[in-house]
N, C-alpha and C. Protein backbone atom coordinates (compact mmCIF):
# COMPACT_ATOMS: atom_id res chain seq x y z
N MET A 1 2.50 0.53 -13.58
CA MET A 1 1.90 0.96 -12.54
C MET A 1 2.60 0.53 -11.13
N LEU A 2 2.78 -0.50 -11.08
CA LEU A 2 2.90 -1.39 -9.87
C LEU A 2 4.71 -0.55 -9.46
N SER A 3 5.32 -0.74 -10.34
CA SER A 3 6.89 -0.35 -10.45
C SER A 3 6.55 1.36 -9.67
N LYS A 4 5.67 2.32 -10.17
CA LYS A 4 5.35 3.64 -9.76
C LYS A 4 5.20 3.36 -7.86
N LEU A 5 4.46 2.37 -7.94
CA LEU A 5 3.61 2.75 -5.99
C LEU A 5 4.61 1.76 -5.69
N ILE A 6 5.66 1.08 -6.30
CA ILE A 6 7.12 0.25 -5.17
C ILE A 6 8.20 1.52 -5.18
N LYS A 7 8.05 2.28 -6.18
CA LYS A 7 9.12 3.88 -5.66
C LYS A 7 8.51 4.52 -4.83
N MET A 8 6.97 4.90 -4.86
CA MET A 8 6.43 5.77 -4.05
C MET A 8 6.58 5.03 -2.92
N PHE A 9 6.79 4.12 -2.23
CA PHE A 9 6.51 3.63 -0.95
C PHE A 9 8.39 3.59 -0.84
N THR A 10 9.36 3.05 -1.55
CA THR A 10 10.39 2.31 -0.72
C THR A 10 11.42 3.83 -1.16
N SER A 11 10.43 5.22 -1.66
CA SER A 11 11.33 6.21 -1.57
C SER A 11 12.18 6.75 -0.19
N GLN A 12 13.55 7.39 -0.16
CA GLN A 12 14.12 7.92 0.90
C GLN A 12 13.98 9.07 1.45
N ASN A 13 12.68 9.98 0.92
CA ASN A 13 12.64 10.82 0.74
C ASN A 13 11.90 11.28 2.41
N LYS A 14 12.12 12.51 2.98
CA LYS A 14 12.01 12.96 4.35
C LYS A 14 10.41 13.19 4.12
N GLU A 15 9.56 12.47 4.45
CA GLU A 15 8.02 13.33 4.44
C GLU A 15 7.52 13.34 6.18
N SER A 16 6.42 13.71 6.19
CA SER A 16 5.57 13.75 7.39
C SER A 16 5.17 12.46 7.40
N SER A 17 4.82 12.26 8.37
CA SER A 17 4.28 11.22 9.66
C SER A 17 2.77 11.30 8.73
N LYS A 18 2.05 12.19 8.67
CA LYS A 18 1.16 11.99 7.83
C LYS A 18 0.98 11.44 6.63
N SER A 19 2.13 12.44 5.54
CA SER A 19 1.90 12.21 4.45
C SER A 19 2.10 10.53 3.85
N GLN A 20 3.28 10.19 5.09
CA GLN A 20 3.42 8.69 4.75
C GLN A 20 2.04 7.12 4.87
N ALA A 21 1.87 7.92 5.98
CA ALA A 21 0.40 7.11 6.33
C ALA A 21 -0.53 7.30 5.42
N LYS A 22 -0.80 8.08 4.98
CA LYS A 22 -1.69 8.45 3.62
C LYS A 22 -1.58 7.70 2.69
N LYS A 23 -0.08 7.59 2.17
CA LYS A 23 0.41 7.25 0.99
C LYS A 23 0.26 5.47 1.24
N ARG A 24 0.37 4.94 2.68
CA ARG A 24 0.29 3.88 2.85
C ARG A 24 -0.93 3.06 3.08
N LEU A 25 -1.97 4.16 3.62
CA LEU A 25 -3.53 3.79 3.41
C LEU A 25 -4.17 3.49 1.83
N GLN A 26 -3.43 4.90 1.13
CA GLN A 26 -3.76 4.56 -0.54
C GLN A 26 -3.09 3.36 -0.99
N PHE A 27 -2.17 2.97 -0.75
CA PHE A 27 -1.76 1.38 -0.89
C PHE A 27 -2.45 0.37 -0.85
N ALA A 28 -2.61 0.44 0.43
CA ALA A 28 -3.67 -0.50 1.38
C ALA A 28 -4.94 -0.85 0.57
N LEU A 29 -5.57 0.71 0.35
CA LEU A 29 -6.88 0.24 -0.38
C LEU A 29 -7.02 -0.50 -2.02
N ILE A 30 -5.88 -0.26 -2.46
CA ILE A 30 -5.95 -1.32 -3.68
C ILE A 30 -5.05 -2.16 -3.91
N TYR A 31 -4.78 -3.21 -2.51
CA TYR A 31 -4.19 -4.49 -1.94
C TYR A 31 -5.34 -5.21 -2.95
N ASP A 32 -6.35 -5.42 -2.95
CA ASP A 32 -6.81 -6.63 -3.53
C ASP A 32 -6.68 -6.56 -4.82
N LYS A 33 -6.57 -5.29 -5.92
CA LYS A 33 -6.40 -5.14 -7.15
C LYS A 33 -5.05 -6.02 -7.52
N LEU A 34 -3.97 -5.35 -6.67
CA LEU A 34 -2.49 -6.05 -6.79
C LEU A 34 -2.29 -7.20 -6.37
N GLU A 35 -3.10 -7.62 -5.83
CA GLU A 35 -2.99 -9.38 -5.11
C GLU A 35 -1.69 -9.32 -4.38
N ILE A 36 -1.83 -8.48 -3.58
CA ILE A 36 -0.50 -8.12 -2.61
C ILE A 36 -0.90 -9.23 -1.65
N ASN A 37 0.64 -10.15 -1.28
CA ASN A 37 0.39 -10.71 -0.47
C ASN A 37 0.68 -10.79 1.29
N ASP A 38 0.46 -11.54 2.21
CA ASP A 38 -0.40 -10.99 3.21
C ASP A 38 1.33 -10.92 3.74
N ASN A 39 2.74 -11.02 3.69
CA ASN A 39 3.59 -10.28 4.10
C ASN A 39 3.98 -9.14 3.83
N THR A 40 3.06 -8.75 2.77
CA THR A 40 3.13 -7.20 2.39
C THR A 40 2.10 -6.39 3.47
N LEU A 41 1.10 -7.36 3.71
CA LEU A 41 -0.13 -6.40 4.44
C LEU A 41 0.55 -6.38 6.09
N LYS A 42 1.61 -7.40 6.32
CA LYS A 42 2.05 -7.46 7.77
C LYS A 42 2.85 -6.39 8.09
N ASP A 43 3.92 -6.05 6.91
CA ASP A 43 4.92 -5.37 6.81
C ASP A 43 3.86 -3.72 7.00
N LEU A 44 2.85 -3.57 6.14
CA LEU A 44 2.22 -2.13 6.71
C LEU A 44 1.66 -2.04 7.88
N GLN A 45 1.54 -3.08 7.93
CA GLN A 45 0.43 -2.97 9.79
C GLN A 45 1.71 -2.43 10.41
N ASN A 46 2.84 -3.27 10.53
CA ASN A 46 4.39 -2.82 11.40
C ASN A 46 4.16 -1.27 11.32
N ASP A 47 4.44 -0.15 9.54
CA ASP A 47 4.68 0.33 9.28
C ASP A 47 3.19 1.42 10.06
N ILE A 48 2.23 1.09 10.19
CA ILE A 48 1.33 1.89 10.63
C ILE A 48 1.25 2.07 12.33
N ILE A 49 1.33 0.61 12.62
CA ILE A 49 1.88 0.76 13.99
C ILE A 49 3.11 1.87 14.71
N GLN A 50 4.00 1.99 13.72
CA GLN A 50 5.20 2.59 14.33
C GLN A 50 4.70 4.34 14.05
N VAL A 51 4.00 4.51 13.16
CA VAL A 51 3.96 5.97 12.95
C VAL A 51 2.58 6.33 13.78
N ILE A 52 1.48 5.42 14.39
CA ILE A 52 0.61 5.77 15.55
C ILE A 52 1.56 5.50 16.87
N SER A 53 2.20 5.24 16.89
CA SER A 53 2.91 5.04 18.59
C SER A 53 3.98 6.35 18.39
N ARG A 54 4.11 6.46 17.57
CA ARG A 54 4.87 8.14 17.89
C ARG A 54 4.11 9.12 18.77
N TYR A 55 2.71 9.05 18.78
CA TYR A 55 2.04 9.87 19.28
C TYR A 55 1.00 9.34 20.12
N PHE A 56 1.04 8.02 20.19
CA PHE A 56 -0.09 7.40 21.33
C PHE A 56 0.52 5.91 21.89
N GLU A 57 0.35 5.52 23.07
CA GLU A 57 0.27 4.27 23.69
C GLU A 57 -0.66 3.78 23.14
N ILE A 58 -0.44 2.27 22.29
CA ILE A 58 -1.18 1.36 22.09
C ILE A 58 -1.10 0.10 22.56
N ASP A 59 -2.13 -0.57 22.60
CA ASP A 59 -2.49 -2.03 22.83
C ASP A 59 -2.11 -2.77 21.74
N ARG A 60 -0.71 -2.95 21.74
CA ARG A 60 -0.35 -3.78 20.50
C ARG A 60 -1.21 -5.27 20.57
N ASP A 61 -1.68 -6.01 21.66
CA ASP A 61 -1.71 -7.20 21.65
C ASP A 61 -3.45 -7.41 21.26
N ALA A 62 -3.72 -6.12 21.03
CA ALA A 62 -5.34 -5.92 20.88
C ALA A 62 -6.03 -5.46 19.37
N LEU A 63 -4.71 -5.26 18.78
CA LEU A 63 -4.76 -4.36 17.29
C LEU A 63 -5.53 -5.46 16.11
N SER A 64 -5.88 -4.85 15.38
CA SER A 64 -6.54 -5.76 14.48
C SER A 64 -6.60 -4.94 13.23
N LEU A 65 -6.10 -5.37 12.05
CA LEU A 65 -5.46 -4.82 10.32
C LEU A 65 -6.59 -5.88 9.69
N GLU A 66 -7.37 -5.51 8.94
CA GLU A 66 -8.27 -6.20 7.76
C GLU A 66 -8.79 -5.27 6.42
N ILE A 67 -9.15 -5.92 5.60
CA ILE A 67 -9.39 -5.80 4.38
C ILE A 67 -11.06 -6.10 4.36
N GLN A 68 -11.80 -4.82 4.30
CA GLN A 68 -13.34 -5.29 4.00
C GLN A 68 -13.67 -4.87 2.54
N ARG A 69 -14.28 -5.56 2.07
CA ARG A 69 -14.61 -5.33 0.53
C ARG A 69 -16.12 -5.10 0.82
N GLY A 70 -16.93 -4.15 -0.14
CA GLY A 70 -17.85 -3.99 -0.93
C GLY A 70 -17.62 -4.31 -2.10
N GLU A 71 -19.33 -3.83 -2.78
CA GLU A 71 -19.62 -3.71 -4.25
C GLU A 71 -18.10 -3.06 -5.17
N GLU A 72 -18.34 -1.89 -4.50
CA GLU A 72 -17.31 -1.13 -5.53
C GLU A 72 -16.21 -0.72 -4.86
N THR A 73 -16.10 -0.78 -2.98
CA THR A 73 -15.07 -0.30 -3.00
C THR A 73 -14.34 -1.24 -1.96
N SER A 74 -13.25 -1.28 -1.34
CA SER A 74 -12.28 -1.90 -0.46
C SER A 74 -11.83 -0.72 0.66
N ALA A 75 -11.60 -1.31 2.06
CA ALA A 75 -11.29 -0.33 2.82
C ALA A 75 -10.39 -0.82 3.74
N LEU A 76 -9.45 -0.31 4.54
CA LEU A 76 -8.61 -0.87 4.84
C LEU A 76 -8.77 -0.58 6.33
N VAL A 77 -9.30 -1.35 7.38
CA VAL A 77 -9.59 -0.93 8.62
C VAL A 77 -8.76 -1.28 9.90
N PHE A 78 -7.92 -0.32 10.34
CA PHE A 78 -7.29 -0.67 11.28
C PHE A 78 -7.73 -0.21 13.07
N ASN A 79 -7.72 -1.45 13.64
CA ASN A 79 -8.24 -1.23 15.14
C ASN A 79 -7.46 -1.71 16.01
N THR A 80 -7.17 -0.35 17.34
CA THR A 80 -6.32 -0.95 17.84
C THR A 80 -7.04 0.24 19.26
N PRO A 81 -7.01 -0.32 20.27
CA PRO A 81 -7.27 0.23 21.36
C PRO A 81 -5.90 1.68 21.99
N ILE A 82 -6.38 2.89 22.38
CA ILE A 82 -5.36 3.50 22.51
C ILE A 82 -5.29 3.87 23.77
N LEU A 83 -4.44 3.58 25.01
CA LEU A 83 -4.38 3.34 26.04
C LEU A 83 -3.82 4.76 26.52
N GLN A 84 -3.29 5.64 26.24
CA GLN A 84 -2.91 7.17 26.32
C GLN A 84 -2.05 8.03 25.35
N ILE A 85 -2.26 9.13 25.20
CA ILE A 85 -1.52 10.04 24.41
C ILE A 85 -0.12 10.38 24.75
N LYS A 86 0.96 10.07 24.23
CA LYS A 86 2.14 10.58 24.43
C LYS A 86 2.49 12.19 24.50
N ARG A 87 3.07 12.57 25.73
CA ARG A 87 3.11 13.91 25.77
C ARG A 87 4.63 14.48 24.81
N ARG A 88 4.63 15.78 24.51
CA ARG A 88 5.97 15.95 24.05
C ARG A 88 6.60 16.61 25.27
């Protein structure tokens, strides 16, 4: 299972930003089950920032990423102030 996840996230396939972000979020949600270390969580945060920054100017100093655990589920909570939308 772990090798499948690693292959899925290190694949060189060209995918949409939405698809990539969705896969990263799914990976983060199983963080506690796989006992992912802090470096991997930091890498995930950097990837999320990279994707969001394509569309929004964000306050990188005020962002936070945390795992909230409930009785049956865990959730990745990424919070950042959006300064403005990037126009294309």
